[in-house]
C-alpha atoms as a PDB file:
ATOM      1  CA  MET A   1     -15.265  -8.850 -16.137  1.00  0.00           C
ATOM      2  CA  SER A   2     -16.017  -6.661 -13.244  1.00  0.00           C
ATOM      3  CA  THR A   3     -13.644  -3.914 -12.052  1.00  0.00           C
ATOM      4  CA  GLU A   4     -14.146  -5.167  -8.190  1.00  0.00           C
ATOM      5  CA  THR A   5     -15.413  -8.490  -6.515  1.00  0.00           C
ATOM      6  CA  GLN A   6     -18.458  -9.142  -3.992  1.00  0.00           C
ATOM      7  CA  VAL A   7     -17.041  -9.230  -0.546  1.00  0.00           C
ATOM      8  CA  ARG A   8     -15.771 -11.523   1.291  1.00  0.00           C
ATOM      9  CA  GLU A   9     -14.165 -12.573   5.201  1.00  0.00           C
ATOM     10  CA  LEU A  10     -10.946 -12.302   5.720  1.00  0.00           C
ATOM     11  CA  ASP A  11      -8.984 -15.486   6.897  1.00  0.00           C
ATOM     12  CA  SER A  12      -5.997 -14.861  10.164  1.00  0.00           C
ATOM     13  CA  SER A  13      -3.609 -17.111   7.356  1.00  0.00           C
ATOM     14  CA  ASP A  14      -4.590 -14.510   4.303  1.00  0.00           C
ATOM     15  CA  GLN A  15      -1.250 -12.621   2.725  1.00  0.00           C
ATOM     16  CA  ILE A  16      -0.807  -9.875   0.830  1.00  0.00           C
ATOM     17  CA  ILE A  17       2.348  -8.283  -1.231  1.00  0.00           C
ATOM     18  CA  THR A  18       3.571  -5.261  -3.632  1.00  0.00           C
ATOM     19  CA  ASP A  19       5.196  -5.043  -6.361  1.00  0.00           C
ATOM     20  CA  LEU A  20       6.850  -7.442  -7.413  1.00  0.00           C
ATOM     21  CA  HIS A  21       8.710  -6.151 -11.347  1.00  0.00           C
ATOM     22  CA  LEU A  22       9.550  -9.410 -12.406  1.00  0.00           C
ATOM     23  CA  GLU A  23      11.811  -9.237 -15.423  1.00  0.00           C
ATOM     24  CA  HIS A  24      12.455  -5.993 -14.646  1.00  0.00           C
ATOM     25  CA  PRO A  25      16.489  -5.831 -14.776  1.00  0.00           C
ATOM     26  CA  ASN A  26      17.029  -1.825 -14.319  1.00  0.00           C
ATOM     27  CA  ILE A  27      14.634  -2.291 -10.794  1.00  0.00           C
ATOM     28  CA  VAL A  28      18.383  -4.143  -9.885  1.00  0.00           C
ATOM     29  CA  SER A  29      20.797  -2.366 -12.171  1.00  0.00           C
ATOM     30  CA  HIS A  30      20.074   0.886 -10.711  1.00  0.00           C
ATOM     31  CA  GLY A  31      20.520  -0.208  -7.143  1.00  0.00           C
ATOM     32  CA  TYR A  32      16.577   0.088  -6.290  1.00  0.00           C
ATOM     33  CA  ARG A  33      16.557  -3.485  -5.262  1.00  0.00           C
ATOM     34  CA  PRO A  34      19.256  -6.489  -4.187  1.00  0.00           C
ATOM     35  CA  GLU A  35      20.183  -8.568  -7.052  1.00  0.00           C
ATOM     36  CA  GLY A  36      18.326 -12.365  -7.078  1.00  0.00           C
ATOM     37  CA  PHE A  37      15.524 -10.515  -4.411  1.00  0.00           C
ATOM     38  CA  GLU A  38      12.663 -12.706  -6.798  1.00  0.00           C
ATOM     39  CA  ASN A  39      14.847 -15.573  -5.540  1.00  0.00           C
ATOM     40  CA  ILE A  40      13.884 -14.028  -1.585  1.00  0.00           C
ATOM     41  CA  VAL A  41      10.084 -13.943  -2.595  1.00  0.00           C
ATOM     42  CA  ALA A  42       9.910 -17.142  -3.516  1.00  0.00           C
ATOM     43  CA  GLN A  43      11.424 -18.519  -0.805  1.00  0.00           C
ATOM     44  CA  ASP A  44       9.283 -16.919   1.954  1.00  0.00           C
ATOM     45  CA  TRP A  45       6.628 -17.213  -0.388  1.00  0.00           C
ATOM     46  CA  ASP A  46       6.897 -21.165  -0.360  1.00  0.00           C
ATOM     47  CA  SER A  47       7.520 -21.718   3.078  1.00  0.00           C
ATOM     48  CA  LYS A  48       4.097 -19.268   4.605  1.00  0.00           C
ATOM     49  CA  VAL A  49       1.580 -20.682   2.081  1.00  0.00           C
ATOM     50  CA  VAL A  50       1.524 -24.101   3.173  1.00  0.00           C
ATOM     51  CA  THR A  51      -2.338 -24.997   1.534  1.00  0.00           C
ATOM     52  CA  SER A  52      -3.314 -24.988  -2.635  1.00  0.00           C
ATOM     53  CA  THR A  53      -6.981 -23.009  -0.613  1.00  0.00           C
ATOM     54  CA  GLN A  54      -4.560 -20.581   1.115  1.00  0.00           C
ATOM     55  CA  ARG A  55      -4.976 -17.301  -0.165  1.00  0.00           C
ATOM     56  CA  VAL A  56      -1.896 -14.510  -1.687  1.00  0.00           C
ATOM     57  CA  TYR A  57      -3.590 -10.976  -2.683  1.00  0.00           C
ATOM     58  CA  HIS A  58      -0.962  -9.722  -4.571  1.00  0.00           C
ATOM     59  CA  LEU A  59      -1.324  -5.595  -5.261  1.00  0.00           C
ATOM     60  CA  GLY A  60      -0.507  -5.441  -9.069  1.00  0.00           C
ATOM     61  CA  ASP A  61       3.387  -4.777 -11.102  1.00  0.00           C
ATOM     62  CA  ILE A  62       2.832  -8.047 -11.346  1.00  0.00           C
ATOM     63  CA  ASN A  63       6.404  -7.502 -13.860  1.00  0.00           C
ATOM     64  CA  MET A  64       7.999  -5.748 -16.643  1.00  0.00           C
ATOM     65  CA  LYS A  65       8.462  -7.526 -19.568  1.00  0.00           C
ATOM     66  CA  ARG A  66       9.399 -11.355 -20.628  1.00  0.00           C
ATOM     67  CA  LEU A  67       5.079 -11.498 -19.540  1.00  0.00           C
ATOM     68  CA  SER A  68       5.052 -15.736 -20.328  1.00  0.00           C
ATOM     69  CA  VAL A  69       8.283 -16.213 -18.018  1.00  0.00           C
ATOM     70  CA  ALA A  70       6.712 -13.878 -15.102  1.00  0.00           C
ATOM     71  CA  HIS A  71       4.218 -16.051 -14.784  1.00  0.00           C
ATOM     72  CA  ASP A  72       5.412 -19.869 -15.098  1.00  0.00           C
ATOM     73  CA  TRP A  73       7.263 -18.153 -11.586  1.00  0.00           C
ATOM     74  CA  ILE A  74       3.573 -17.402 -10.556  1.00  0.00           C
ATOM     75  CA  LYS A  75       2.240 -20.427 -12.073  1.00  0.00           C
ATOM     76  CA  ALA A  76       4.873 -22.623  -9.507  1.00  0.00           C
ATOM     77  CA  ARG A  77       4.442 -20.603  -6.335  1.00  0.00           C
ATOM     78  CA  PRO A  78       1.099 -22.299  -4.610  1.00  0.00           C
ATOM     79  CA  GLY A  79      -1.948 -20.907  -2.621  1.00  0.00           C
ATOM     80  CA  TRP A  80      -5.032 -19.207  -3.989  1.00  0.00           C
ATOM     81  CA  LYS A  81      -3.873 -16.186  -5.735  1.00  0.00           C
ATOM     82  CA  GLY A  82      -6.078 -12.494  -6.119  1.00  0.00           C
ATOM     83  CA  LEU A  83      -4.993  -9.560  -8.259  1.00  0.00           C
ATOM     84  CA  THR A  84      -5.452  -6.080  -7.754  1.00  0.00           C
ATOM     85  CA  VAL A  85      -4.235  -5.082 -12.032  1.00  0.00           C
ATOM     86  CA  GLY A  86      -1.725  -2.773 -11.919  1.00  0.00           C
ATOM     87  CA  ASN A  87      -0.395  -0.238 -14.125  1.00  0.00           C
ATOM     88  CA  HIS A  88       2.458  -2.563 -15.889  1.00  0.00           C
ATOM     89  CA  ASP A  89      -0.708  -4.951 -16.177  1.00  0.00           C
ATOM     90  CA  THR A  90      -2.666  -4.301 -19.223  1.00  0.00           C
ATOM     91  CA  LYS A  91      -3.129  -7.683 -20.119  1.00  0.00           C
ATOM     92  CA  PRO A  92      -7.749  -8.238 -20.499  1.00  0.00           C
ATOM     93  CA  PHE A  93      -8.204  -9.997 -17.591  1.00  0.00           C
ATOM     94  CA  THR A  94      -9.647 -13.196 -19.057  1.00  0.00           C
ATOM     95  CA  TRP A  95      -5.411 -13.752 -19.462  1.00  0.00           C
ATOM     96  CA  TYR A  96      -4.234 -13.625 -15.781  1.00  0.00           C
ATOM     97  CA  LEU A  97      -7.624 -16.083 -15.115  1.00  0.00           C
ATOM     98  CA  SER A  98      -5.947 -18.248 -17.612  1.00  0.00           C
ATOM     99  CA  ASN A  99      -2.716 -17.676 -16.011  1.00  0.00           C
ATOM    100  CA  GLY A 100      -1.806 -18.971 -12.612  1.00  0.00           C
ATOM    101  CA  TRP A 101      -4.180 -16.151 -10.978  1.00  0.00           C
ATOM    102  CA  ASN A 102      -7.450 -17.926  -9.413  1.00  0.00           C
ATOM    103  CA  GLU A 103      -9.524 -13.463  -9.113  1.00  0.00           C
ATOM    104  CA  VAL A 104      -8.281 -10.531 -11.494  1.00  0.00           C
ATOM    105  CA  ALA A 105      -9.667  -7.122 -10.630  1.00  0.00           C
ATOM    106  CA  GLU A 106      -9.899  -3.058  -9.684  1.00  0.00           C
ATOM    107  CA  ARG A 107     -10.083  -3.579  -6.513  1.00  0.00           C
ATOM    108  CA  ILE A 108     -10.847  -6.199  -3.864  1.00  0.00           C
ATOM    109  CA  TYR A 109     -12.846  -5.939  -0.799  1.00  0.00           C
ATOM    110  CA  LEU A 110     -12.221  -8.100   2.626  1.00  0.00           C
ATOM    111  CA  THR A 111     -14.117  -7.014   6.166  1.00  0.00           C
ATOM    112  CA  TYR A 112     -11.876  -7.811   8.197  1.00  0.00           C
ATOM    113  CA  PRO A 113     -13.725 -10.584  10.814  1.00  0.00           C
ATOM    114  CA  GLU A 114     -13.892  -8.342  14.324  1.00  0.00           C
ATOM    115  CA  PRO A 115     -14.630  -4.939  15.594  1.00  0.00           C
ATOM    116  CA  LEU A 116     -11.635  -3.063  15.380  1.00  0.00           C
ATOM    117  CA  SER A 117     -10.773   1.145  17.591  1.00  0.00           C
ATOM    118  CA  ARG A 118      -9.526   3.599  15.198  1.00  0.00           C
ATOM    119  CA  HIS A 119      -6.559   4.354  16.688  1.00  0.00           C
ATOM    120  CA  VAL A 120      -5.995  -0.012  16.153  1.00  0.00           C
ATOM    121  CA  LEU A 121      -6.930   0.475  12.096  1.00  0.00           C
ATOM    122  CA  TYR A 122      -5.168   4.036  11.445  1.00  0.00           C
ATOM    123  CA  ASN A 123      -2.439   3.195  13.428  1.00  0.00           C
ATOM    124  CA  HIS A 124      -0.903   4.341  10.277  1.00  0.00           C
ATOM    125  CA  LEU A 125      -1.208   7.498  11.135  1.00  0.00           C
ATOM    126  CA  CYS A 126       0.709   8.092  14.697  1.00  0.00           C
ATOM    127  CA  PRO A 127       3.615   9.633  13.983  1.00  0.00           C
ATOM    128  CA  LEU A 128       0.112  12.939  14.886  1.00  0.00           C
ATOM    129  CA  ARG A 129       1.013  12.187  17.932  1.00  0.00           C
ATOM    130  CA  ILE A 130       4.061  14.220  18.015  1.00  0.00           C
ATOM    131  CA  LEU A 131       2.057  17.185  16.494  1.00  0.00           C
ATOM    132  CA  GLY A 132      -0.285  16.847  19.305  1.00  0.00           C
ATOM    133  CA  ASP A 133      -3.424  15.892  16.583  1.00  0.00           C
ATOM    134  CA  TRP A 134      -3.943  12.340  17.004  1.00  0.00           C
ATOM    135  CA  ASP A 135      -6.809  13.465  19.240  1.00  0.00           C
ATOM    136  CA  HIS A 136      -8.726  14.801  16.324  1.00  0.00           C
ATOM    137  CA  ILE A 137      -9.181  10.749  15.243  1.00  0.00           C
ATOM    138  CA  PRO A 138     -12.280   9.173  17.761  1.00  0.00           C
ATOM    139  CA  ASN A 139     -11.189   6.294  19.242  1.00  0.00           C
ATOM    140  CA  ASP A 140     -14.546   5.037  18.418  1.00  0.00           C
ATOM    141  CA  VAL A 141     -14.682   1.147  17.598  1.00  0.00           C
ATOM    142  CA  ILE A 142     -15.766   0.112  14.015  1.00  0.00           C
ATOM    143  CA  GLU A 143     -17.700  -2.945  13.393  1.00  0.00           C
ATOM    144  CA  ARG A 144     -15.974  -5.413  11.238  1.00  0.00           C
ATOM    145  CA  PRO A 145     -14.492  -2.481   9.453  1.00  0.00           C
ATOM    146  CA  ARG A 146     -14.265  -2.784   5.075  1.00  0.00           C
ATOM    147  CA  ILE A 147     -10.759  -3.169   4.140  1.00  0.00           C
ATOM    148  CA  LEU A 148     -10.340  -2.264   0.155  1.00  0.00           C
ATOM    149  CA  LEU A 149      -7.729  -3.360  -1.539  1.00  0.00           C
ATOM    150  CA  SER A 150      -5.883  -1.598  -4.396  1.00  0.00           C
ATOM    151  CA  HIS A 151      -2.437  -0.784  -6.390  1.00  0.00           C
ATOM    152  CA  ILE A 152      -3.451   2.962  -6.768  1.00  0.00           C
ATOM    153  CA  PRO A 153      -4.670   4.540  -3.628  1.00  0.00           C
ATOM    154  CA  GLN A 154      -8.652   5.215  -3.883  1.00  0.00           C
ATOM    155  CA  PRO A 155     -10.186   8.590  -3.058  1.00  0.00           C
ATOM    156  CA  ASP A 156     -12.406   7.961   0.018  1.00  0.00           C
ATOM    157  CA  ASP A 157     -16.170   7.659  -1.078  1.00  0.00           C
ATOM    158  CA  GLY A 158     -16.339   6.376   2.024  1.00  0.00           C
ATOM    159  CA  MET A 159     -17.444   2.773   0.839  1.00  0.00           C
ATOM    160  CA  PHE A 160     -13.696   1.705   2.921  1.00  0.00           C
ATOM    161  CA  ASP A 161     -12.493   1.816   6.143  1.00  0.00           C
ATOM    162  CA  LEU A 162      -9.337   1.213   5.497  1.00  0.00           C
ATOM    163  CA  ASN A 163      -7.596   1.473   1.619  1.00  0.00           C
ATOM    164  CA  ILE A 164      -4.414  -0.950   1.523  1.00  0.00           C
ATOM    165  CA  HIS A 165      -3.029  -0.104  -2.528  1.00  0.00           C
ATOM    166  CA  GLY A 166       1.038  -0.216  -3.197  1.00  0.00           C
ATOM    167  CA  HIS A 167       2.194   1.846  -6.755  1.00  0.00           C
ATOM    168  CA  PHE A 168       4.075   3.991  -4.551  1.00  0.00           C
ATOM    169  CA  HIS A 169       7.384   1.763  -3.686  1.00  0.00           C
ATOM    170  CA  CYS A 170       9.180   3.779  -0.614  1.00  0.00           C
ATOM    171  CA  GLU A 171      10.829   6.093  -2.244  1.00  0.00           C
ATOM    172  CA  GLY A 172       7.585   7.687  -2.871  1.00  0.00           C
ATOM    173  CA  HIS A 173       7.134   7.082  -6.191  1.00  0.00           C
ATOM    174  CA  ARG A 174       4.698   9.154  -8.114  1.00  0.00           C
ATOM    175  CA  ALA A 175       3.133  10.307  -5.348  1.00  0.00           C
ATOM    176  CA  ASN A 176       3.652  13.323  -5.051  1.00  0.00           C
ATOM    177  CA  LYS A 177       2.207  14.766  -8.822  1.00  0.00           C
ATOM    178  CA  LEU A 178      -0.610  16.153  -8.679  1.00  0.00           C
ATOM    179  CA  ALA A 179      -3.145  13.824  -9.063  1.00  0.00           C
ATOM    180  CA  MET A 180      -2.368  11.366  -6.040  1.00  0.00           C
ATOM    181  CA  VAL A 181      -2.186  14.931  -3.891  1.00  0.00           C
ATOM    182  CA  LYS A 182      -6.049  15.692  -4.399  1.00  0.00           C
ATOM    183  CA  ILE A 183      -7.182  12.183  -3.784  1.00  0.00           C
ATOM    184  CA  ARG A 184      -5.066  11.633  -0.800  1.00  0.00           C
ATOM    185  CA  ASN A 185      -7.210  10.738   3.173  1.00  0.00           C
ATOM    186  CA  ALA A 186      -5.728   9.512   6.097  1.00  0.00           C
ATOM    187  CA  LYS A 187      -7.587   5.698   5.162  1.00  0.00           C
ATOM    188  CA  GLN A 188      -5.219   5.351   3.022  1.00  0.00           C
ATOM    189  CA  ARG A 189      -2.630   2.914   3.651  1.00  0.00           C
ATOM    190  CA  LEU A 190       0.835   2.038   1.448  1.00  0.00           C
ATOM    191  CA  LEU A 191       2.686  -1.498   1.488  1.00  0.00           C
ATOM    192  CA  ALA A 192       5.894  -1.219   0.352  1.00  0.00           C
ATOM    193  CA  LEU A 193       7.684  -4.308  -0.907  1.00  0.00           C
ATOM    194  CA  GLU A 194      10.979  -2.395  -0.897  1.00  0.00           C
ATOM    195  CA  LEU A 195      10.247  -1.775   2.742  1.00  0.00           C
ATOM    196  CA  VAL A 196       8.913  -5.254   4.363  1.00  0.00           C
ATOM    197  CA  GLY A 197      12.368  -7.308   3.389  1.00  0.00           C
ATOM    198  CA  TYR A 198      10.973  -9.064   0.185  1.00  0.00           C
ATOM    199  CA  LYS A 199       8.617 -11.375   1.780  1.00  0.00           C
ATOM    200  CA  LEU A 200       4.726 -12.015   1.888  1.00  0.00           C
ATOM    201  CA  VAL A 201       3.035 -10.064   5.179  1.00  0.00           C
ATOM    202  CA  ASN A 202       0.151 -11.092   7.310  1.00  0.00           C
ATOM    203  CA  LEU A 203      -2.776  -9.543   6.435  1.00  0.00           C
ATOM    204  CA  MET A 204      -4.280  -9.240   9.575  1.00  0.00           C
ATOM    205  CA  ASP A 205      -1.460  -8.749  11.586  1.00  0.00           C
ATOM    206  CA  PHE A 206      -0.717  -5.347   8.630  1.00  0.00           C
ATOM    207  CA  ILE A 207      -3.810  -4.281   9.285  1.00  0.00           C
ATOM    208  CA  VAL A 208      -3.108  -3.945  13.120  1.00  0.00           C
ATOM    209  CA  GLY A 209      -0.447  -2.404  13.169  1.00  0.00           C
ATOM    210  CA  LYS A 210       2.259  -5.446  14.070  1.00  0.00           C
ATOM    211  CA  VAL A 211       4.132  -5.384   9.988  1.00  0.00           C
ATOM    212  CA  GLN A 212       6.229  -2.702  10.731  1.00  0.00           C
ATOM    213  CA  GLN A 213       7.554  -1.068   7.633  1.00  0.00           C
ATOM    214  CA  ASP A 214      10.818   1.868   8.252  1.00  0.00           C
ATOM    215  CA  ARG A 215       8.922   4.436   6.778  1.00  0.00           C
ATOM    216  CA  THR A 216       5.311   5.085   5.431  1.00  0.00           C
ATOM    217  CA  LEU A 217       3.580   7.914   3.430  1.00  0.00           C
ATOM    218  CA  TYR A 218       2.451   9.514   6.956  1.00  0.00           C
ATOM    219  CA  GLU A 219       5.519  10.720   7.744  1.00  0.00           C
ATOM    220  CA  TYR A 220       6.780  13.921  10.148  1.00  0.00           C
ATOM    221  CA  GLU A 221      10.641  15.015   9.660  1.00  0.00           C
ATOM    222  CA  ALA A 222      11.398  18.184  11.512  1.00  0.00           C
ATOM    223  CA  THR A 223      15.279  17.529  12.668  1.00  0.00           C
ATOM    224  CA  GLY A 224      17.724  18.236   9.896  1.00  0.00           C
ATOM    225  CA  VAL A 225      15.543  19.220   7.847  1.00  0.00           C
ATOM    226  CA  THR A 226      14.858  22.477   5.566  1.00  0.00           C
ATOM    227  CA  CYS A 227      11.689  23.592   3.718  1.00  0.00           C
ATOM    228  CA  ASN A 228      12.519  22.765  -0.033  1.00  0.00           C
ATOM    229  CA  GLN A 229      11.161  26.716  -1.159  1.00  0.00           C
ATOM    230  CA  CYS A 230      12.017  28.435   1.630  1.00  0.00           C
ATOM    231  CA  LYS A 231      14.503  26.411   2.970  1.00  0.00           C
ATOM    232  CA  THR A 232      13.837  27.160   7.171  1.00  0.00           C
ATOM    233  CA  SER A 233      13.413  24.246   9.045  1.00  0.00           C
ATOM    234  CA  GLU A 234      10.023  24.761  10.639  1.00  0.00           C
ATOM    235  CA  LEU A 235       8.382  21.908  11.375  1.00  0.00           C
ATOM    236  CA  LEU A 236       7.730  20.033   8.064  1.00  0.00           C
ATOM    237  CA  TRP A 237       5.270  17.661   6.192  1.00  0.00           C
ATOM    238  CA  TRP A 238       6.960  15.456   4.487  1.00  0.00           C
ATOM    239  CA  THR A 239       4.821  12.915   1.290  1.00  0.00           C
ATOM    240  CA  GLY A 240       7.111  10.405   0.458  1.00  0.00           C
ATOM    241  CA  GLY A 241       9.701  11.873  -1.673  1.00  0.00           C
ATOM    242  CA  ASP A 242      12.779  13.079  -0.696  1.00  0.00           C
ATOM    243  CA  GLN A 243      12.650  16.128  -2.752  1.00  0.00           C
ATOM    244  CA  ALA A 244       9.121  17.170  -0.893  1.00  0.00           C
ATOM    245  CA  VAL A 245       9.418  18.683   1.679  1.00  0.00           C
ATOM    246  CA  TYR A 246       7.410  21.717   2.674  1.00  0.00           C
ATOM    247  CA  CYS A 247       6.346  23.860   5.685  1.00  0.00           C
ATOM    248  CA  ARG A 248       3.407  25.089   6.692  1.00  0.00           C
ATOM    249  CA  THR A 249       3.600  28.761   4.747  1.00  0.00           C
ATOM    250  CA  CYS A 250       4.836  26.573   1.343  1.00  0.00           C
ATOM    251  CA  ASP A 251       3.205  23.724   1.196  1.00  0.00           C
ATOM    252  CA  PRO A 252       1.898  23.210  -2.368  1.00  0.00           C
ATOM    253  CA  GLU A 253      -1.882  22.552  -2.564  1.00  0.00           C
ATOM    254  CA  LEU A 254      -1.797  23.273   1.466  1.00  0.00           C
ATOM    255  CA  VAL A 255      -1.798  19.472   2.316  1.00  0.00           C
ATOM    256  CA  PHE A 256      -0.470  20.780   5.104  1.00  0.00           C
ATOM    257  CA  GLU A 257      -2.762  22.228   6.140  1.00  0.00           C
ATOM    258  CA  LYS A 258      -5.676  20.114   5.700  1.00  0.00           C
ATOM    259  CA  SER A 259      -4.380  17.049   6.795  1.00  0.00           C
ATOM    260  CA  PHE A 260      -4.679  18.666  10.779  1.00  0.00           C
ATOM    261  CA  GLN A 261      -8.369  20.594   9.735  1.00  0.00           C
ATOM    262  CA  ASN A 262      -9.780  17.432   9.984  1.00  0.00           C
ATOM    263  CA  PRO A 263      -7.916  13.722   9.252  1.00  0.00           C
ATOM    264  CA  LEU A 264      -9.930  11.504   7.991  1.00  0.00           C
ATOM    265  CA  THR A 265     -12.189  13.456   5.397  1.00  0.00           C
ATOM    266  CA  PHE A 266      -9.094  15.037   4.091  1.00  0.00           C
ATOM    267  CA  GLY A 267      -8.813  14.378   0.392  1.00  0.00           C
ATOM    268  CA  MET A 268     -13.058  13.668   0.223  1.00  0.00           C
END
């Protein structure tokens, strides 16, 4: 089974969701999600997906336990379902294709049907404006931008214009591991189920910035926060985790400096 799919064009009705973590008791008992979040997802899914051909893309990590029970839940949801497998999705692709999924791959490529300017496509980088570095991003137009869907964020190999990924949830989960830091680039955009109210998101709306999340991996803090190492309160770089705030001087791997030299090539 191929790790990638053929490129298809986005439709205005396409929906996206990520990191369901069905049958995961600890995610509730430890306070990371509310009791019954699965019902919130199901009610929203069933109300938004109205035909068997309407596409829903899931960015991986469907469940943690009771695989068959979780996939009975998946089978009960309407629509055409595409899956980019996550680190917890360990069955062969053929198993998922026999249990509610219409397409399974490590990466799914889509094309946006219209031209988009870079300032729209990279709207998740808007916090750069705070630092006066927004001008580093040219505002030229990309014809039919290519969108890459994946579970784990991908290095910029020149084959996509925007990478929508999951995996990190809302607390910078694993975002600060060295392997993730080394491949970080401005084309990556996180989708976190916890930050969109446990609901499906219209994919085209998400791309053009109509869907707001409480925070992203490209967020900057300078108020009431000090550097995790030297404890100063200079301009800081926040990488997504509560314990990962650094000033320019202490920034590990020079992430801060590299990202502002050229945000669109950072990580290559």
